[in-house]
Amino acid sequence: MAKQDEQAPKTSGVIEKRHAIGAIYFLAVVALLVINLSGCAGRQQEFTPPSPDDEAYAPPDLDYQVTRVSKGSLYTGKTAMTLFQDRRAYRIGDILTVVLDEKTESDKSASTQFGKESNVAVAAPTLGSTTYAEGAASLEASRDFDGAAASTKVTA
């Protein structure tokens, strides 16, 4: 019996350590979740519209200066109003539209020509001092090729 009493506390101690470690992990996870969720619940600031007299929201002051026209002049380039003429860009900084009218044309041609001839002759066989003329043969072959191609491209 004494041996059984000594072994019983050892196994219960291991089980208690496992439960304690599991409880620590559980508490750590719960603490991290609480900290994480508390970051999402921040205070919201109430919106207060700016006052009409606030200089930060005031529109900028515009500086319109009309040039003085010299006496007797009817036209000034900076204050021109085109009532009776085309609205064309004539000042520095005006936007221009450039229309390009382009036409390209190209021609290409090529030609190839070749020929080949082959001749093969077999002499009459000889046996001793006798020549057999019917055993003689000759072969001739020839071929020719002429090719041409042309291409034209016009882009308007």
N, C-alpha and C. Protein backbone atom coordinates (compact mmCIF):
# COMPACT_ATOMS: atom_id res chain seq x y z
N MET A 1 0.81 -1.19 0.00
CA MET A 1 0.00 0.00 0.00
C MET A 1 0.85 1.25 0.00
N ALA A 2 1.96 1.17 0.60
CA ALA A 2 2.80 2.35 0.67
C ALA A 2 3.27 2.76 -0.72
N LYS A 3 3.50 1.78 -1.57
CA LYS A 3 3.93 2.08 -2.93
C LYS A 3 2.80 2.74 -3.71
N GLN A 4 1.59 2.31 -3.48
CA GLN A 4 0.46 2.90 -4.20
C GLN A 4 0.24 4.34 -3.77
N ASP A 5 0.43 4.64 -2.51
CA ASP A 5 0.26 6.02 -2.03
C ASP A 5 1.32 6.95 -2.62
N GLU A 6 2.53 6.43 -2.82
CA GLU A 6 3.59 7.27 -3.39
C GLU A 6 3.32 7.57 -4.86
N GLN A 7 2.74 6.62 -5.59
CA GLN A 7 2.49 6.81 -7.02
C GLN A 7 1.27 7.68 -7.26
N ALA A 8 0.29 7.67 -6.42
CA ALA A 8 -0.94 8.43 -6.63
C ALA A 8 -0.69 9.92 -6.69
N PRO A 9 0.09 10.51 -5.79
CA PRO A 9 0.32 11.95 -5.88
C PRO A 9 1.09 12.34 -7.14
N LYS A 10 1.97 11.50 -7.66
CA LYS A 10 2.74 11.84 -8.85
C LYS A 10 1.82 11.99 -10.06
N THR A 11 0.91 11.07 -10.27
CA THR A 11 0.02 11.16 -11.43
C THR A 11 -0.95 12.32 -11.27
N SER A 12 -1.43 12.55 -10.08
CA SER A 12 -2.35 13.67 -9.91
C SER A 12 -1.61 14.99 -10.08
N GLY A 13 -0.33 15.04 -9.73
CA GLY A 13 0.47 16.26 -9.93
C GLY A 13 0.68 16.56 -11.41
N VAL A 14 0.88 15.52 -12.21
CA VAL A 14 1.05 15.71 -13.66
C VAL A 14 -0.24 16.22 -14.27
N ILE A 15 -1.36 15.64 -13.83
CA ILE A 15 -2.66 16.07 -14.34
C ILE A 15 -2.94 17.51 -13.94
N GLU A 16 -2.59 17.84 -12.69
CA GLU A 16 -2.81 19.22 -12.23
C GLU A 16 -1.94 20.20 -13.02
N LYS A 17 -0.69 19.82 -13.35
CA LYS A 17 0.17 20.70 -14.15
C LYS A 17 -0.40 20.90 -15.55
N ARG A 18 -0.94 19.84 -16.13
CA ARG A 18 -1.53 19.95 -17.47
C ARG A 18 -2.74 20.88 -17.44
N HIS A 19 -3.56 20.72 -16.40
CA HIS A 19 -4.73 21.60 -16.27
C HIS A 19 -4.30 23.04 -16.03
N ALA A 20 -3.25 23.23 -15.25
CA ALA A 20 -2.77 24.58 -14.96
C ALA A 20 -2.22 25.23 -16.24
N ILE A 21 -1.47 24.48 -17.03
CA ILE A 21 -0.92 25.02 -18.29
C ILE A 21 -2.06 25.33 -19.26
N GLY A 22 -3.04 24.43 -19.35
CA GLY A 22 -4.20 24.68 -20.21
C GLY A 22 -4.97 25.90 -19.77
N ALA A 23 -5.11 26.08 -18.46
CA ALA A 23 -5.83 27.25 -17.94
C ALA A 23 -5.05 28.52 -18.23
N ILE A 24 -3.73 28.47 -18.15
CA ILE A 24 -2.91 29.66 -18.45
C ILE A 24 -3.06 30.03 -19.93
N TYR A 25 -3.00 29.04 -20.81
CA TYR A 25 -3.18 29.31 -22.24
C TYR A 25 -4.56 29.88 -22.51
N PHE A 26 -5.57 29.32 -21.88
CA PHE A 26 -6.93 29.81 -22.07
C PHE A 26 -7.05 31.26 -21.61
N LEU A 27 -6.50 31.57 -20.45
CA LEU A 27 -6.56 32.94 -19.93
C LEU A 27 -5.78 33.90 -20.84
N ALA A 28 -4.65 33.44 -21.38
CA ALA A 28 -3.86 34.29 -22.28
C ALA A 28 -4.64 34.60 -23.56
N VAL A 29 -5.32 33.59 -24.12
CA VAL A 29 -6.12 33.80 -25.33
C VAL A 29 -7.27 34.74 -25.05
N VAL A 30 -7.94 34.55 -23.92
CA VAL A 30 -9.06 35.43 -23.55
C VAL A 30 -8.56 36.86 -23.36
N ALA A 31 -7.41 37.03 -22.71
CA ALA A 31 -6.85 38.37 -22.48
C ALA A 31 -6.50 39.04 -23.81
N LEU A 32 -5.91 38.29 -24.73
CA LEU A 32 -5.58 38.85 -26.05
C LEU A 32 -6.84 39.25 -26.81
N LEU A 33 -7.88 38.44 -26.74
CA LEU A 33 -9.14 38.79 -27.40
C LEU A 33 -9.75 40.05 -26.81
N VAL A 34 -9.72 40.17 -25.49
CA VAL A 34 -10.27 41.37 -24.84
C VAL A 34 -9.48 42.60 -25.26
N ILE A 35 -8.15 42.50 -25.27
CA ILE A 35 -7.32 43.64 -25.68
C ILE A 35 -7.58 44.00 -27.14
N ASN A 36 -7.69 42.99 -27.98
CA ASN A 36 -7.92 43.22 -29.41
C ASN A 36 -9.28 43.87 -29.64
N LEU A 37 -10.31 43.40 -28.98
CA LEU A 37 -11.64 43.97 -29.17
C LEU A 37 -11.77 45.34 -28.54
N SER A 38 -11.00 45.63 -27.50
CA SER A 38 -11.09 46.95 -26.89
C SER A 38 -10.51 48.02 -27.82
N GLY A 39 -9.61 47.65 -28.70
CA GLY A 39 -9.07 48.60 -29.67
C GLY A 39 -10.10 49.02 -30.69
N CYS A 40 -11.10 48.19 -30.94
CA CYS A 40 -12.14 48.51 -31.92
C CYS A 40 -13.19 49.45 -31.34
N ALA A 41 -13.26 49.55 -30.04
CA ALA A 41 -14.30 50.36 -29.41
C ALA A 41 -13.70 51.68 -28.93
N GLY A 42 -13.20 52.48 -29.85
CA GLY A 42 -12.63 53.78 -29.48
C GLY A 42 -13.73 54.82 -29.38
N ARG A 43 -13.35 55.95 -28.84
CA ARG A 43 -14.32 57.04 -28.73
C ARG A 43 -14.48 57.71 -30.08
N GLN A 44 -15.70 58.02 -30.40
CA GLN A 44 -15.99 58.74 -31.64
C GLN A 44 -16.11 60.22 -31.34
N GLN A 45 -15.44 61.02 -32.13
CA GLN A 45 -15.52 62.45 -31.93
C GLN A 45 -16.74 62.98 -32.65
N GLU A 46 -17.40 63.86 -32.02
CA GLU A 46 -18.59 64.45 -32.63
C GLU A 46 -18.17 65.49 -33.65
N PHE A 47 -18.90 65.54 -34.77
CA PHE A 47 -18.59 66.47 -35.85
C PHE A 47 -19.15 67.85 -35.51
N THR A 48 -18.30 68.82 -35.63
CA THR A 48 -18.75 70.20 -35.45
C THR A 48 -18.43 70.95 -36.74
N PRO A 49 -19.43 71.47 -37.41
CA PRO A 49 -19.17 72.16 -38.67
C PRO A 49 -18.36 73.44 -38.42
N PRO A 50 -17.55 73.84 -39.40
CA PRO A 50 -16.75 75.05 -39.21
C PRO A 50 -17.63 76.29 -39.19
N SER A 51 -17.17 77.26 -38.47
CA SER A 51 -17.95 78.50 -38.39
C SER A 51 -17.74 79.29 -39.68
N PRO A 52 -18.72 80.11 -40.06
CA PRO A 52 -18.58 80.87 -41.31
C PRO A 52 -17.41 81.85 -41.29
N ASP A 53 -16.95 82.25 -40.14
CA ASP A 53 -15.86 83.22 -40.06
C ASP A 53 -14.48 82.56 -39.96
N ASP A 54 -14.41 81.24 -40.03
CA ASP A 54 -13.15 80.54 -39.90
C ASP A 54 -12.30 80.78 -41.15
N GLU A 55 -11.07 81.27 -40.99
CA GLU A 55 -10.21 81.61 -42.12
C GLU A 55 -9.69 80.37 -42.84
N ALA A 56 -9.60 79.24 -42.16
CA ALA A 56 -9.09 78.02 -42.79
C ALA A 56 -10.03 77.51 -43.87
N TYR A 57 -11.31 77.81 -43.75
CA TYR A 57 -12.29 77.32 -44.72
C TYR A 57 -12.78 78.42 -45.65
N ALA A 58 -12.22 79.58 -45.58
CA ALA A 58 -12.66 80.69 -46.43
C ALA A 58 -12.10 80.50 -47.84
N PRO A 59 -12.83 80.89 -48.87
CA PRO A 59 -12.31 80.79 -50.23
C PRO A 59 -11.16 81.78 -50.42
N PRO A 60 -10.24 81.48 -51.34
CA PRO A 60 -9.11 82.37 -51.53
C PRO A 60 -9.55 83.68 -52.18
N ASP A 61 -8.80 84.73 -51.90
CA ASP A 61 -9.08 86.01 -52.53
C ASP A 61 -8.59 85.97 -53.97
N LEU A 62 -9.45 86.38 -54.88
CA LEU A 62 -9.10 86.38 -56.29
C LEU A 62 -8.58 87.76 -56.67
N ASP A 63 -7.54 87.76 -57.45
CA ASP A 63 -6.92 89.02 -57.84
C ASP A 63 -7.14 89.21 -59.34
N TYR A 64 -8.17 89.91 -59.69
CA TYR A 64 -8.45 90.23 -61.08
C TYR A 64 -7.95 91.64 -61.35
N GLN A 65 -6.98 91.74 -62.20
CA GLN A 65 -6.48 93.05 -62.58
C GLN A 65 -6.69 93.24 -64.07
N VAL A 66 -7.45 94.20 -64.43
CA VAL A 66 -7.70 94.51 -65.83
C VAL A 66 -6.64 95.51 -66.26
N THR A 67 -6.02 95.18 -67.39
CA THR A 67 -4.99 96.10 -67.88
C THR A 67 -5.62 97.37 -68.41
N ARG A 68 -4.91 98.43 -68.25
CA ARG A 68 -5.42 99.72 -68.73
C ARG A 68 -5.20 99.81 -70.23
N VAL A 69 -6.19 100.26 -70.89
CA VAL A 69 -6.12 100.45 -72.33
C VAL A 69 -5.60 101.85 -72.60
N SER A 70 -4.67 101.92 -73.52
CA SER A 70 -4.16 103.26 -73.85
C SER A 70 -5.24 104.05 -74.58
N LYS A 71 -5.14 105.33 -74.50
CA LYS A 71 -6.18 106.19 -75.08
C LYS A 71 -6.26 105.98 -76.58
N GLY A 72 -7.48 105.86 -77.06
CA GLY A 72 -7.71 105.70 -78.49
C GLY A 72 -7.65 104.27 -78.96
N SER A 73 -7.34 103.29 -78.08
CA SER A 73 -7.25 101.89 -78.48
C SER A 73 -8.58 101.20 -78.27
N LEU A 74 -8.94 100.37 -79.23
CA LEU A 74 -10.18 99.59 -79.13
C LEU A 74 -9.91 98.13 -78.77
N TYR A 75 -8.68 97.71 -78.87
CA TYR A 75 -8.36 96.29 -78.68
C TYR A 75 -7.20 96.13 -77.72
N THR A 76 -7.35 95.21 -76.80
CA THR A 76 -6.27 94.80 -75.92
C THR A 76 -6.23 93.27 -75.94
N GLY A 77 -5.08 92.72 -76.13
CA GLY A 77 -4.96 91.27 -76.26
C GLY A 77 -5.41 90.49 -75.05
N LYS A 78 -5.28 91.06 -73.85
CA LYS A 78 -5.62 90.32 -72.64
C LYS A 78 -7.12 90.34 -72.35
N THR A 79 -7.83 91.29 -72.91
CA THR A 79 -9.28 91.35 -72.65
C THR A 79 -10.06 91.16 -73.93
N ALA A 80 -9.50 90.43 -74.89
CA ALA A 80 -10.15 90.27 -76.19
C ALA A 80 -11.38 89.39 -76.07
N MET A 81 -12.44 89.80 -76.74
CA MET A 81 -13.65 89.00 -76.83
C MET A 81 -13.91 88.78 -78.31
N THR A 82 -14.00 87.53 -78.71
CA THR A 82 -14.14 87.23 -80.12
C THR A 82 -15.61 87.11 -80.47
N LEU A 83 -16.22 88.22 -80.80
CA LEU A 83 -17.63 88.19 -81.18
C LEU A 83 -17.81 87.91 -82.66
N PHE A 84 -16.89 88.39 -83.49
CA PHE A 84 -17.07 88.30 -84.93
C PHE A 84 -15.95 87.55 -85.62
N GLN A 85 -15.21 86.75 -84.92
CA GLN A 85 -14.14 85.99 -85.55
C GLN A 85 -14.07 84.58 -84.97
N ASP A 86 -13.24 83.75 -85.56
CA ASP A 86 -13.07 82.37 -85.09
C ASP A 86 -12.40 82.35 -83.73
N ARG A 87 -12.73 81.33 -82.99
CA ARG A 87 -12.07 81.15 -81.68
C ARG A 87 -10.82 80.31 -81.91
N ARG A 88 -9.75 80.96 -82.19
CA ARG A 88 -8.50 80.27 -82.44
C ARG A 88 -7.51 80.58 -81.33
N ALA A 89 -6.57 79.67 -81.19
CA ALA A 89 -5.53 79.87 -80.17
C ALA A 89 -4.53 80.89 -80.70
N TYR A 90 -4.42 82.01 -80.02
CA TYR A 90 -3.45 83.02 -80.43
C TYR A 90 -2.65 83.56 -79.26
N ARG A 91 -2.90 83.04 -78.08
CA ARG A 91 -2.16 83.49 -76.91
C ARG A 91 -1.20 82.40 -76.44
N ILE A 92 -0.24 82.79 -75.64
CA ILE A 92 0.68 81.82 -75.05
C ILE A 92 -0.10 80.97 -74.05
N GLY A 93 0.05 79.66 -74.16
CA GLY A 93 -0.64 78.75 -73.25
C GLY A 93 -1.94 78.19 -73.80
N ASP A 94 -2.39 78.67 -74.97
CA ASP A 94 -3.61 78.13 -75.56
C ASP A 94 -3.34 76.72 -76.08
N ILE A 95 -4.36 75.90 -76.07
CA ILE A 95 -4.23 74.51 -76.49
C ILE A 95 -4.43 74.43 -77.99
N LEU A 96 -3.53 73.74 -78.68
CA LEU A 96 -3.60 73.57 -80.12
C LEU A 96 -3.95 72.12 -80.43
N THR A 97 -4.70 71.93 -81.50
CA THR A 97 -4.98 70.60 -82.01
C THR A 97 -4.27 70.48 -83.35
N VAL A 98 -3.39 69.52 -83.47
CA VAL A 98 -2.62 69.32 -84.69
C VAL A 98 -3.15 68.07 -85.38
N VAL A 99 -3.58 68.22 -86.63
CA VAL A 99 -4.09 67.10 -87.41
C VAL A 99 -3.02 66.73 -88.43
N LEU A 100 -2.53 65.51 -88.36
CA LEU A 100 -1.50 65.05 -89.28
C LEU A 100 -2.15 64.27 -90.41
N ASP A 101 -1.83 64.64 -91.65
CA ASP A 101 -2.32 63.92 -92.82
C ASP A 101 -1.12 63.20 -93.41
N GLU A 102 -1.07 61.91 -93.22
CA GLU A 102 0.12 61.15 -93.57
C GLU A 102 -0.25 60.06 -94.56
N LYS A 103 0.63 59.85 -95.55
CA LYS A 103 0.41 58.79 -96.52
C LYS A 103 1.75 58.12 -96.77
N THR A 104 1.78 56.82 -96.64
CA THR A 104 3.01 56.07 -96.90
C THR A 104 2.74 55.05 -97.99
N GLU A 105 3.78 54.76 -98.75
CA GLU A 105 3.65 53.79 -99.83
C GLU A 105 4.97 53.03 -99.91
N SER A 106 4.88 51.72 -100.07
CA SER A 106 6.09 50.91 -100.16
C SER A 106 5.88 49.79 -101.16
N ASP A 107 6.96 49.46 -101.86
CA ASP A 107 6.96 48.36 -102.83
C ASP A 107 8.11 47.43 -102.49
N LYS A 108 7.87 46.16 -102.71
CA LYS A 108 8.91 45.17 -102.46
C LYS A 108 8.77 44.09 -103.53
N SER A 109 9.90 43.66 -104.09
CA SER A 109 9.85 42.57 -105.06
C SER A 109 11.09 41.70 -104.87
N ALA A 110 10.95 40.45 -105.27
CA ALA A 110 12.05 39.50 -105.17
C ALA A 110 11.91 38.47 -106.27
N SER A 111 13.04 38.00 -106.77
CA SER A 111 13.00 36.94 -107.78
C SER A 111 14.13 35.95 -107.50
N THR A 112 13.89 34.72 -107.86
CA THR A 112 14.86 33.64 -107.64
C THR A 112 14.90 32.78 -108.89
N GLN A 113 16.11 32.40 -109.29
CA GLN A 113 16.25 31.56 -110.48
C GLN A 113 17.45 30.64 -110.25
N PHE A 114 17.25 29.35 -110.47
CA PHE A 114 18.38 28.44 -110.39
C PHE A 114 18.12 27.24 -111.28
N GLY A 115 19.19 26.56 -111.64
CA GLY A 115 19.11 25.37 -112.48
C GLY A 115 20.22 24.40 -112.10
N LYS A 116 20.01 23.12 -112.41
CA LYS A 116 21.00 22.11 -112.06
C LYS A 116 20.95 21.01 -113.11
N GLU A 117 22.11 20.58 -113.52
CA GLU A 117 22.22 19.47 -114.47
C GLU A 117 23.17 18.43 -113.88
N SER A 118 22.83 17.15 -114.08
CA SER A 118 23.68 16.05 -113.60
C SER A 118 23.83 15.02 -114.71
N ASN A 119 25.04 14.54 -114.90
CA ASN A 119 25.32 13.48 -115.88
C ASN A 119 26.11 12.38 -115.18
N VAL A 120 25.68 11.15 -115.37
CA VAL A 120 26.39 10.00 -114.83
C VAL A 120 26.56 9.00 -115.97
N ALA A 121 27.78 8.52 -116.18
CA ALA A 121 28.04 7.54 -117.24
C ALA A 121 28.74 6.32 -116.63
N VAL A 122 28.28 5.14 -117.03
CA VAL A 122 28.88 3.88 -116.57
C VAL A 122 29.52 3.23 -117.81
N ALA A 123 30.79 2.99 -117.72
CA ALA A 123 31.51 2.40 -118.86
C ALA A 123 31.09 0.93 -119.05
N ALA A 124 31.32 0.43 -120.24
CA ALA A 124 30.96 -0.96 -120.56
C ALA A 124 31.85 -1.90 -119.75
N PRO A 125 31.25 -2.95 -119.19
CA PRO A 125 32.06 -3.87 -118.40
C PRO A 125 33.03 -4.67 -119.29
N THR A 126 34.17 -5.00 -118.69
CA THR A 126 35.19 -5.74 -119.42
C THR A 126 35.52 -7.00 -118.62
N LEU A 127 35.56 -8.09 -119.30
CA LEU A 127 35.92 -9.36 -118.67
C LEU A 127 37.11 -9.92 -119.47
N GLY A 128 38.26 -9.85 -118.86
CA GLY A 128 39.47 -10.25 -119.59
C GLY A 128 39.73 -9.22 -120.68
N SER A 129 39.78 -9.68 -121.91
CA SER A 129 39.99 -8.75 -123.02
C SER A 129 38.71 -8.50 -123.78
N THR A 130 37.59 -9.03 -123.32
CA THR A 130 36.32 -8.87 -124.01
C THR A 130 35.53 -7.75 -123.35
N THR A 131 34.99 -6.83 -124.16
CA THR A 131 34.17 -5.72 -123.68
C THR A 131 32.73 -5.99 -124.07
N TYR A 132 31.81 -5.85 -123.13
CA TYR A 132 30.39 -6.07 -123.38
C TYR A 132 29.71 -4.69 -123.50
N ALA A 133 29.42 -4.26 -124.71
CA ALA A 133 28.88 -2.92 -124.97
C ALA A 133 27.46 -2.76 -124.44
N GLU A 134 26.69 -3.82 -124.38
CA GLU A 134 25.32 -3.68 -123.89
C GLU A 134 25.25 -3.39 -122.39
N GLY A 135 26.35 -3.51 -121.68
CA GLY A 135 26.39 -3.21 -120.26
C GLY A 135 26.67 -1.74 -119.96
N ALA A 136 26.97 -0.95 -120.99
CA ALA A 136 27.26 0.48 -120.78
C ALA A 136 25.95 1.22 -120.54
N ALA A 137 25.99 2.26 -119.70
CA ALA A 137 24.77 3.03 -119.40
C ALA A 137 25.16 4.48 -119.12
N SER A 138 24.20 5.36 -119.33
CA SER A 138 24.41 6.77 -118.98
C SER A 138 23.09 7.32 -118.44
N LEU A 139 23.20 8.31 -117.60
CA LEU A 139 22.02 8.91 -116.97
C LEU A 139 22.20 10.42 -116.97
N GLU A 140 21.18 11.14 -117.40
CA GLU A 140 21.21 12.60 -117.41
C GLU A 140 19.97 13.13 -116.69
N ALA A 141 20.16 14.17 -115.91
CA ALA A 141 19.02 14.80 -115.21
C ALA A 141 19.26 16.30 -115.17
N SER A 142 18.17 17.05 -115.29
CA SER A 142 18.28 18.51 -115.18
C SER A 142 16.98 19.04 -114.58
N ARG A 143 17.11 20.17 -113.90
CA ARG A 143 15.93 20.82 -113.34
C ARG A 143 16.19 22.32 -113.32
N ASP A 144 15.10 23.07 -113.50
CA ASP A 144 15.15 24.53 -113.51
C ASP A 144 14.03 25.07 -112.63
N PHE A 145 14.29 26.24 -112.02
CA PHE A 145 13.26 26.90 -111.21
C PHE A 145 13.35 28.40 -111.45
N ASP A 146 12.21 28.98 -111.71
CA ASP A 146 12.09 30.44 -111.80
C ASP A 146 10.96 30.86 -110.87
N GLY A 147 11.24 31.78 -109.96
CA GLY A 147 10.21 32.26 -109.03
C GLY A 147 10.30 33.76 -108.89
N ALA A 148 9.14 34.37 -108.70
CA ALA A 148 9.09 35.83 -108.52
C ALA A 148 7.96 36.16 -107.55
N ALA A 149 8.14 37.25 -106.80
CA ALA A 149 7.10 37.71 -105.88
C ALA A 149 7.16 39.23 -105.81
N ALA A 150 5.99 39.83 -105.56
CA ALA A 150 5.92 41.28 -105.44
C ALA A 150 4.90 41.64 -104.37
N SER A 151 5.14 42.76 -103.67
CA SER A 151 4.24 43.20 -102.62
C SER A 151 4.18 44.72 -102.64
N THR A 152 2.97 45.26 -102.47
CA THR A 152 2.78 46.71 -102.43
C THR A 152 1.88 47.03 -101.25
N LYS A 153 2.25 48.06 -100.49
CA LYS A 153 1.44 48.48 -99.35
C LYS A 153 1.27 49.99 -99.40
N VAL A 154 0.02 50.42 -99.29
CA VAL A 154 -0.28 51.85 -99.29
C VAL A 154 -1.09 52.14 -98.03
N THR A 155 -0.64 53.10 -97.24
CA THR A 155 -1.35 53.51 -96.04
C THR A 155 -1.73 54.97 -96.19
N ALA A 156 -3.01 55.22 -96.07
CA ALA A 156 -3.46 56.61 -96.20
C ALA A 156 -4.07 57.08 -94.91
